[in-house]
Amino acid sequence: MLVVLGGEEFVVMLTSSSVSDAVEAMDKVRQKLETSPFNFHGEPVNITMSFGVTEIKEGDSVDDLFARADQALYQAKENGRNRVCSL
């Protein structure tokens, strides 16, 4: 399932996956994107992506879940971007 939250943010829900499995999956996507050849007006462009990963915890509201994922995403960006962080 993919849910677009904003112009640059989206959600990937990996049901039946542990946090470590989700981190591994998102890191594979990140690496593939980073090494894929992209061009804009004939010039090579480096594309990177940062991911924030979390899991649903008992008692979470939807807002709690998204806030934690957002916090992990900002942690990835603050630590240099193009990485996966989890909470």
PDB file of N, CA and C in Angstrom:
ATOM      1  N   MET A   1       0.843  -1.174   0.000  1.00  0.00           N
ATOM      2  CA  MET A   1       0.000   0.000   0.000  1.00  0.00           C
ATOM      3  C   MET A   1       0.885   1.233   0.000  1.00  0.00           C
ATOM      4  N   LEU A   2       0.553   2.227  -0.784  1.00  0.00           N
ATOM      5  CA  LEU A   2       1.293   3.478  -0.864  1.00  0.00           C
ATOM      6  C   LEU A   2       0.309   4.620  -0.663  1.00  0.00           C
ATOM      7  N   VAL A   3       0.636   5.514   0.260  1.00  0.00           N
ATOM      8  CA  VAL A   3      -0.204   6.680   0.531  1.00  0.00           C
ATOM      9  C   VAL A   3       0.664   7.917   0.384  1.00  0.00           C
ATOM     10  N   VAL A   4       0.283   8.853  -0.457  1.00  0.00           N
ATOM     11  CA  VAL A   4       1.033  10.089  -0.641  1.00  0.00           C
ATOM     12  C   VAL A   4       0.570  11.089   0.408  1.00  0.00           C
ATOM     13  N   LEU A   5       1.529  11.637   1.177  1.00  0.00           N
ATOM     14  CA  LEU A   5       1.205  12.608   2.220  1.00  0.00           C
ATOM     15  C   LEU A   5       1.422  14.036   1.767  1.00  0.00           C
ATOM     16  N   GLY A   6       2.372  14.240   0.920  1.00  0.00           N
ATOM     17  CA  GLY A   6       2.677  15.586   0.460  1.00  0.00           C
ATOM     18  C   GLY A   6       3.497  15.491  -0.803  1.00  0.00           C
ATOM     19  N   GLY A   7       3.982  16.616  -1.266  1.00  0.00           N
ATOM     20  CA  GLY A   7       4.747  16.636  -2.498  1.00  0.00           C
ATOM     21  C   GLY A   7       5.982  15.775  -2.461  1.00  0.00           C
ATOM     22  N   GLU A   8       6.599  15.625  -1.286  1.00  0.00           N
ATOM     23  CA  GLU A   8       7.838  14.876  -1.176  1.00  0.00           C
ATOM     24  C   GLU A   8       7.763  13.737  -0.164  1.00  0.00           C
ATOM     25  N   GLU A   9       6.624  13.517   0.423  1.00  0.00           N
ATOM     26  CA  GLU A   9       6.511  12.471   1.432  1.00  0.00           C
ATOM     27  C   GLU A   9       5.411  11.490   1.066  1.00  0.00           C
ATOM     28  N   PHE A  10       5.690  10.221   1.304  1.00  0.00           N
ATOM     29  CA  PHE A  10       4.691   9.196   1.076  1.00  0.00           C
ATOM     30  C   PHE A  10       4.887   8.100   2.106  1.00  0.00           C
ATOM     31  N   VAL A  11       3.919   7.220   2.193  1.00  0.00           N
ATOM     32  CA  VAL A  11       3.923   6.146   3.169  1.00  0.00           C
ATOM     33  C   VAL A  11       3.929   4.811   2.445  1.00  0.00           C
ATOM     34  N   VAL A  12       4.783   3.914   2.905  1.00  0.00           N
ATOM     35  CA  VAL A  12       4.776   2.532   2.446  1.00  0.00           C
ATOM     36  C   VAL A  12       4.455   1.685   3.668  1.00  0.00           C
ATOM     37  N   MET A  13       3.386   0.921   3.598  1.00  0.00           N
ATOM     38  CA  MET A  13       3.018   0.065   4.718  1.00  0.00           C
ATOM     39  C   MET A  13       3.409  -1.365   4.389  1.00  0.00           C
ATOM     40  N   LEU A  14       4.274  -1.929   5.205  1.00  0.00           N
ATOM     41  CA  LEU A  14       4.717  -3.306   5.032  1.00  0.00           C
ATOM     42  C   LEU A  14       4.079  -4.129   6.143  1.00  0.00           C
ATOM     43  N   THR A  15       2.962  -4.711   5.836  1.00  0.00           N
ATOM     44  CA  THR A  15       2.272  -5.511   6.839  1.00  0.00           C
ATOM     45  C   THR A  15       3.042  -6.811   7.057  1.00  0.00           C
ATOM     46  N   SER A  16       2.996  -7.309   8.248  1.00  0.00           N
ATOM     47  CA  SER A  16       3.665  -8.567   8.619  1.00  0.00           C
ATOM     48  C   SER A  16       5.180  -8.484   8.482  1.00  0.00           C
ATOM     49  N   SER A  17       5.751  -7.295   8.639  1.00  0.00           N
ATOM     50  CA  SER A  17       7.206  -7.125   8.589  1.00  0.00           C
ATOM     51  C   SER A  17       7.688  -6.553   9.914  1.00  0.00           C
ATOM     52  N   SER A  18       8.833  -7.020  10.361  1.00  0.00           N
ATOM     53  CA  SER A  18       9.449  -6.442  11.556  1.00  0.00           C
ATOM     54  C   SER A  18      10.109  -5.120  11.170  1.00  0.00           C
ATOM     55  N   VAL A  19      10.478  -4.336  12.168  1.00  0.00           N
ATOM     56  CA  VAL A  19      11.173  -3.078  11.890  1.00  0.00           C
ATOM     57  C   VAL A  19      12.479  -3.364  11.147  1.00  0.00           C
ATOM     58  N   SER A  20      13.221  -4.371  11.584  1.00  0.00           N
ATOM     59  CA  SER A  20      14.500  -4.665  10.915  1.00  0.00           C
ATOM     60  C   SER A  20      14.285  -5.097   9.462  1.00  0.00           C
ATOM     61  N   ASP A  21      13.220  -5.862   9.201  1.00  0.00           N
ATOM     62  CA  ASP A  21      12.911  -6.241   7.814  1.00  0.00           C
ATOM     63  C   ASP A  21      12.520  -5.021   6.991  1.00  0.00           C
ATOM     64  N   ALA A  22      11.753  -4.114   7.580  1.00  0.00           N
ATOM     65  CA  ALA A  22      11.339  -2.899   6.876  1.00  0.00           C
ATOM     66  C   ALA A  22      12.535  -1.994   6.601  1.00  0.00           C
ATOM     67  N   VAL A  23      13.429  -1.863   7.567  1.00  0.00           N
ATOM     68  CA  VAL A  23      14.638  -1.062   7.364  1.00  0.00           C
ATOM     69  C   VAL A  23      15.462  -1.658   6.222  1.00  0.00           C
ATOM     70  N   GLU A  24      15.611  -2.965   6.215  1.00  0.00           N
ATOM     71  CA  GLU A  24      16.368  -3.629   5.154  1.00  0.00           C
ATOM     72  C   GLU A  24      15.708  -3.410   3.784  1.00  0.00           C
ATOM     73  N   ALA A  25      14.398  -3.528   3.724  1.00  0.00           N
ATOM     74  CA  ALA A  25      13.675  -3.340   2.459  1.00  0.00           C
ATOM     75  C   ALA A  25      13.820  -1.905   1.955  1.00  0.00           C
ATOM     76  N   MET A  26      13.669  -0.927   2.854  1.00  0.00           N
ATOM     77  CA  MET A  26      13.770   0.473   2.446  1.00  0.00           C
ATOM     78  C   MET A  26      15.201   0.835   2.068  1.00  0.00           C
ATOM     79  N   ASP A  27      16.171   0.191   2.714  1.00  0.00           N
ATOM     80  CA  ASP A  27      17.556   0.457   2.347  1.00  0.00           C
ATOM     81  C   ASP A  27      17.856  -0.080   0.951  1.00  0.00           C
ATOM     82  N   LYS A  28      17.262  -1.199   0.590  1.00  0.00           N
ATOM     83  CA  LYS A  28      17.430  -1.720  -0.778  1.00  0.00           C
ATOM     84  C   LYS A  28      16.833  -0.752  -1.793  1.00  0.00           C
ATOM     85  N   VAL A  29      15.656  -0.203  -1.490  1.00  0.00           N
ATOM     86  CA  VAL A  29      15.037   0.790  -2.383  1.00  0.00           C
ATOM     87  C   VAL A  29      15.940   2.015  -2.488  1.00  0.00           C
ATOM     88  N   ARG A  30      16.447   2.487  -1.346  1.00  0.00           N
ATOM     89  CA  ARG A  30      17.319   3.662  -1.314  1.00  0.00           C
ATOM     90  C   ARG A  30      18.563   3.432  -2.168  1.00  0.00           C
ATOM     91  N   GLN A  31      19.203   2.281  -2.013  1.00  0.00           N
ATOM     92  CA  GLN A  31      20.412   1.977  -2.782  1.00  0.00           C
ATOM     93  C   GLN A  31      20.125   1.878  -4.276  1.00  0.00           C
ATOM     94  N   LYS A  32      19.021   1.252  -4.626  1.00  0.00           N
ATOM     95  CA  LYS A  32      18.657   1.103  -6.039  1.00  0.00           C
ATOM     96  C   LYS A  32      18.409   2.470  -6.671  1.00  0.00           C
ATOM     97  N   LEU A  33      17.705   3.333  -5.962  1.00  0.00           N
ATOM     98  CA  LEU A  33      17.426   4.670  -6.463  1.00  0.00           C
ATOM     99  C   LEU A  33      18.720   5.460  -6.638  1.00  0.00           C
ATOM    100  N   GLU A  34      19.591   5.362  -5.660  1.00  0.00           N
ATOM    101  CA  GLU A  34      20.851   6.106  -5.688  1.00  0.00           C
ATOM    102  C   GLU A  34      21.728   5.713  -6.874  1.00  0.00           C
ATOM    103  N   THR A  35      21.668   4.451  -7.280  1.00  0.00           N
ATOM    104  CA  THR A  35      22.536   3.969  -8.368  1.00  0.00           C
ATOM    105  C   THR A  35      21.838   3.940  -9.726  1.00  0.00           C
ATOM    106  N   SER A  36      20.582   4.359  -9.767  1.00  0.00           N
ATOM    107  CA  SER A  36      19.855   4.381 -11.039  1.00  0.00           C
ATOM    108  C   SER A  36      20.229   5.621 -11.840  1.00  0.00           C
ATOM    109  N   PRO A  37      20.419   5.465 -13.141  1.00  0.00           N
ATOM    110  CA  PRO A  37      20.795   6.622 -13.958  1.00  0.00           C
ATOM    111  C   PRO A  37      19.587   7.521 -14.243  1.00  0.00           C
ATOM    112  N   PHE A  38      19.645   8.746 -13.777  1.00  0.00           N
ATOM    113  CA  PHE A  38      18.626   9.742 -14.065  1.00  0.00           C
ATOM    114  C   PHE A  38      19.275  10.898 -14.809  1.00  0.00           C
ATOM    115  N   ASN A  39      18.524  11.466 -15.740  1.00  0.00           N
ATOM    116  CA  ASN A  39      19.007  12.626 -16.488  1.00  0.00           C
ATOM    117  C   ASN A  39      17.917  13.679 -16.540  1.00  0.00           C
ATOM    118  N   PHE A  40      18.340  14.927 -16.511  1.00  0.00           N
ATOM    119  CA  PHE A  40      17.429  16.052 -16.674  1.00  0.00           C
ATOM    120  C   PHE A  40      18.055  16.980 -17.699  1.00  0.00           C
ATOM    121  N   HIS A  41      17.363  17.178 -18.808  1.00  0.00           N
ATOM    122  CA  HIS A  41      17.889  17.976 -19.920  1.00  0.00           C
ATOM    123  C   HIS A  41      19.254  17.463 -20.363  1.00  0.00           C
ATOM    124  N   GLY A  42      19.401  16.134 -20.383  1.00  0.00           N
ATOM    125  CA  GLY A  42      20.632  15.531 -20.868  1.00  0.00           C
ATOM    126  C   GLY A  42      21.781  15.518 -19.876  1.00  0.00           C
ATOM    127  N   GLU A  43      21.557  16.018 -18.677  1.00  0.00           N
ATOM    128  CA  GLU A  43      22.606  16.045 -17.659  1.00  0.00           C
ATOM    129  C   GLU A  43      22.303  15.030 -16.566  1.00  0.00           C
ATOM    130  N   PRO A  44      23.327  14.294 -16.094  1.00  0.00           N
ATOM    131  CA  PRO A  44      23.088  13.337 -15.016  1.00  0.00           C
ATOM    132  C   PRO A  44      22.684  14.047 -13.721  1.00  0.00           C
ATOM    133  N   VAL A  45      21.738  13.437 -13.023  1.00  0.00           N
ATOM    134  CA  VAL A  45      21.223  13.988 -11.762  1.00  0.00           C
ATOM    135  C   VAL A  45      21.297  12.887 -10.713  1.00  0.00           C
ATOM    136  N   ASN A  46      21.873  13.212  -9.559  1.00  0.00           N
ATOM    137  CA  ASN A  46      21.901  12.256  -8.447  1.00  0.00           C
ATOM    138  C   ASN A  46      20.592  12.358  -7.679  1.00  0.00           C
ATOM    139  N   ILE A  47      19.932  11.228  -7.503  1.00  0.00           N
ATOM    140  CA  ILE A  47      18.671  11.162  -6.764  1.00  0.00           C
ATOM    141  C   ILE A  47      18.909  10.323  -5.516  1.00  0.00           C
ATOM    142  N   THR A  48      18.519  10.862  -4.372  1.00  0.00           N
ATOM    143  CA  THR A  48      18.625  10.112  -3.124  1.00  0.00           C
ATOM    144  C   THR A  48      17.286  10.188  -2.388  1.00  0.00           C
ATOM    145  N   MET A  49      17.149   9.334  -1.385  1.00  0.00           N
ATOM    146  CA  MET A  49      15.901   9.300  -0.626  1.00  0.00           C
ATOM    147  C   MET A  49      16.224   8.931   0.818  1.00  0.00           C
ATOM    148  N   SER A  50      15.538   9.566   1.735  1.00  0.00           N
ATOM    149  CA  SER A  50      15.656   9.246   3.155  1.00  0.00           C
ATOM    150  C   SER A  50      14.357   8.603   3.615  1.00  0.00           C
ATOM    151  N   PHE A  51      14.472   7.676   4.568  1.00  0.00           N
ATOM    152  CA  PHE A  51      13.312   6.948   5.073  1.00  0.00           C
ATOM    153  C   PHE A  51      13.258   7.007   6.591  1.00  0.00           C
ATOM    154  N   GLY A  52      12.049   7.154   7.119  1.00  0.00           N
ATOM    155  CA  GLY A  52      11.791   7.012   8.543  1.00  0.00           C
ATOM    156  C   GLY A  52      10.894   5.809   8.735  1.00  0.00           C
ATOM    157  N   VAL A  53      11.343   4.861   9.545  1.00  0.00           N
ATOM    158  CA  VAL A  53      10.624   3.600   9.719  1.00  0.00           C
ATOM    159  C   VAL A  53      10.198   3.452  11.179  1.00  0.00           C
ATOM    160  N   THR A  54       8.977   3.005  11.380  1.00  0.00           N
ATOM    161  CA  THR A  54       8.494   2.683  12.709  1.00  0.00           C
ATOM    162  C   THR A  54       7.466   1.571  12.598  1.00  0.00           C
ATOM    163  N   GLU A  55       7.017   1.088  13.726  1.00  0.00           N
ATOM    164  CA  GLU A  55       5.980   0.061  13.719  1.00  0.00           C
ATOM    165  C   GLU A  55       4.832   0.491  14.607  1.00  0.00           C
ATOM    166  N   ILE A  56       3.697  -0.083  14.356  1.00  0.00           N
ATOM    167  CA  ILE A  56       2.517   0.200  15.175  1.00  0.00           C
ATOM    168  C   ILE A  56       2.720  -0.438  16.542  1.00  0.00           C
ATOM    169  N   LYS A  57       2.510   0.375  17.571  1.00  0.00           N
ATOM    170  CA  LYS A  57       2.612  -0.111  18.943  1.00  0.00           C
ATOM    171  C   LYS A  57       1.223  -0.093  19.574  1.00  0.00           C
ATOM    172  N   GLU A  58       1.005  -1.007  20.495  1.00  0.00           N
ATOM    173  CA  GLU A  58      -0.298  -1.083  21.142  1.00  0.00           C
ATOM    174  C   GLU A  58      -0.653   0.270  21.748  1.00  0.00           C
ATOM    175  N   GLY A  59      -1.863   0.708  21.490  1.00  0.00           N
ATOM    176  CA  GLY A  59      -2.346   1.981  22.007  1.00  0.00           C
ATOM    177  C   GLY A  59      -2.055   3.167  21.110  1.00  0.00           C
ATOM    178  N   ASP A  60      -1.330   2.940  20.004  1.00  0.00           N
ATOM    179  CA  ASP A  60      -1.031   4.025  19.063  1.00  0.00           C
ATOM    180  C   ASP A  60      -2.290   4.540  18.404  1.00  0.00           C
ATOM    181  N   SER A  61      -2.354   5.843  18.260  1.00  0.00           N
ATOM    182  CA  SER A  61      -3.331   6.424  17.350  1.00  0.00           C
ATOM    183  C   SER A  61      -2.632   6.570  16.005  1.00  0.00           C
ATOM    184  N   VAL A  62      -3.392   6.879  14.988  1.00  0.00           N
ATOM    185  CA  VAL A  62      -2.787   7.121  13.669  1.00  0.00           C
ATOM    186  C   VAL A  62      -1.813   8.287  13.771  1.00  0.00           C
ATOM    187  N   ASP A  63      -2.199   9.305  14.525  1.00  0.00           N
ATOM    188  CA  ASP A  63      -1.313  10.462  14.694  1.00  0.00           C
ATOM    189  C   ASP A  63      -0.009  10.077  15.382  1.00  0.00           C
ATOM    190  N   ASP A  64      -0.075   9.199  16.392  1.00  0.00           N
ATOM    191  CA  ASP A  64       1.141   8.737  17.077  1.00  0.00           C
ATOM    192  C   ASP A  64       2.076   8.037  16.099  1.00  0.00           C
ATOM    193  N   LEU A  65       1.517   7.167  15.299  1.00  0.00           N
ATOM    194  CA  LEU A  65       2.299   6.390  14.343  1.00  0.00           C
ATOM    195  C   LEU A  65       2.997   7.304  13.337  1.00  0.00           C
ATOM    196  N   PHE A  66       2.246   8.226  12.752  1.00  0.00           N
ATOM    197  CA  PHE A  66       2.830   9.120  11.752  1.00  0.00           C
ATOM    198  C   PHE A  66       3.816  10.091  12.370  1.00  0.00           C
ATOM    199  N   ALA A  67       3.578  10.526  13.600  1.00  0.00           N
ATOM    200  CA  ALA A  67       4.518  11.424  14.273  1.00  0.00           C
ATOM    201  C   ALA A  67       5.858  10.721  14.498  1.00  0.00           C
ATOM    202  N   ARG A  68       5.818   9.458  14.906  1.00  0.00           N
ATOM    203  CA  ARG A  68       7.042   8.704  15.142  1.00  0.00           C
ATOM    204  C   ARG A  68       7.784   8.449  13.825  1.00  0.00           C
ATOM    205  N   ALA A  69       7.062   8.103  12.777  1.00  0.00           N
ATOM    206  CA  ALA A  69       7.684   7.897  11.466  1.00  0.00           C
ATOM    207  C   ALA A  69       8.306   9.193  10.963  1.00  0.00           C
ATOM    208  N   ASP A  70       7.617  10.302  11.173  1.00  0.00           N
ATOM    209  CA  ASP A  70       8.121  11.608  10.762  1.00  0.00           C
ATOM    210  C   ASP A  70       9.383  11.967  11.553  1.00  0.00           C
ATOM    211  N   GLN A  71       9.387  11.655  12.833  1.00  0.00           N
ATOM    212  CA  GLN A  71      10.558  11.907  13.666  1.00  0.00           C
ATOM    213  C   GLN A  71      11.763  11.095  13.157  1.00  0.00           C
ATOM    214  N   ALA A  72      11.529   9.850  12.795  1.00  0.00           N
ATOM    215  CA  ALA A  72      12.604   9.010  12.252  1.00  0.00           C
ATOM    216  C   ALA A  72      13.099   9.568  10.913  1.00  0.00           C
ATOM    217  N   LEU A  73      12.178  10.058  10.090  1.00  0.00           N
ATOM    218  CA  LEU A  73      12.563  10.651   8.808  1.00  0.00           C
ATOM    219  C   LEU A  73      13.442  11.873   9.022  1.00  0.00           C
ATOM    220  N   TYR A  74      13.053  12.750   9.932  1.00  0.00           N
ATOM    221  CA  TYR A  74      13.864  13.943  10.193  1.00  0.00           C
ATOM    222  C   TYR A  74      15.210  13.574  10.787  1.00  0.00           C
ATOM    223  N   GLN A  75      15.266  12.503  11.560  1.00  0.00           N
ATOM    224  CA  GLN A  75      16.543  12.013  12.077  1.00  0.00           C
ATOM    225  C   GLN A  75      17.446  11.588  10.914  1.00  0.00           C
ATOM    226  N   ALA A  76      16.875  10.911   9.930  1.00  0.00           N
ATOM    227  CA  ALA A  76      17.645  10.505   8.750  1.00  0.00           C
ATOM    228  C   ALA A  76      18.165  11.730   8.001  1.00  0.00           C
ATOM    229  N   LYS A  77      17.348  12.730   7.859  1.00  0.00           N
ATOM    230  CA  LYS A  77      17.767  13.951   7.159  1.00  0.00           C
ATOM    231  C   LYS A  77      18.842  14.695   7.943  1.00  0.00           C
ATOM    232  N   GLU A  78      18.690  14.766   9.254  1.00  0.00           N
ATOM    233  CA  GLU A  78      19.671  15.478  10.087  1.00  0.00           C
ATOM    234  C   GLU A  78      21.008  14.753  10.138  1.00  0.00           C
ATOM    235  N   ASN A  79      20.992  13.443   9.924  1.00  0.00           N
ATOM    236  CA  ASN A  79      22.225  12.658   9.961  1.00  0.00           C
ATOM    237  C   ASN A  79      22.897  12.549   8.600  1.00  0.00           C
ATOM    238  N   GLY A  80      22.502  13.386   7.660  1.00  0.00           N
ATOM    239  CA  GLY A  80      23.194  13.436   6.381  1.00  0.00           C
ATOM    240  C   GLY A  80      22.376  13.039   5.174  1.00  0.00           C
ATOM    241  N   ARG A  81      21.116  12.719   5.352  1.00  0.00           N
ATOM    242  CA  ARG A  81      20.243  12.333   4.250  1.00  0.00           C
ATOM    243  C   ARG A  81      20.681  11.039   3.586  1.00  0.00           C
ATOM    244  N   ASN A  82      19.863  10.560   2.666  1.00  0.00           N
ATOM    245  CA  ASN A  82      20.133   9.332   1.924  1.00  0.00           C
ATOM    246  C   ASN A  82      20.425   8.163   2.861  1.00  0.00           C
ATOM    247  N   ARG A  83      19.532   7.975   3.819  1.00  0.00           N
ATOM    248  CA  ARG A  83      19.682   6.885   4.784  1.00  0.00           C
ATOM    249  C   ARG A  83      18.337   6.481   5.335  1.00  0.00           C
ATOM    250  N   VAL A  84      18.329   5.407   6.097  1.00  0.00           N
ATOM    251  CA  VAL A  84      17.110   4.890   6.720  1.00  0.00           C
ATOM    252  C   VAL A  84      17.312   4.942   8.227  1.00  0.00           C
ATOM    253  N   CYS A  85      16.386   5.556   8.944  1.00  0.00           N
ATOM    254  CA  CYS A  85      16.414   5.580  10.406  1.00  0.00           C
ATOM    255  C   CYS A  85      15.101   5.018  10.922  1.00  0.00           C
ATOM    256  N   SER A  86      15.161   4.404  12.083  1.00  0.00           N
ATOM    257  CA  SER A  86      13.941   3.822  12.651  1.00  0.00           C
ATOM    258  C   SER A  86      13.811   4.216  14.115  1.00  0.00           C
ATOM    259  N   LEU A  87      12.561   4.253  14.551  1.00  0.00           N
ATOM    260  CA  LEU A  87      12.219   4.496  15.962  1.00  0.00           C
ATOM    261  C   LEU A  87      11.213   3.461  16.391  1.00  0.00           C
TER     262      LEU A  87
END
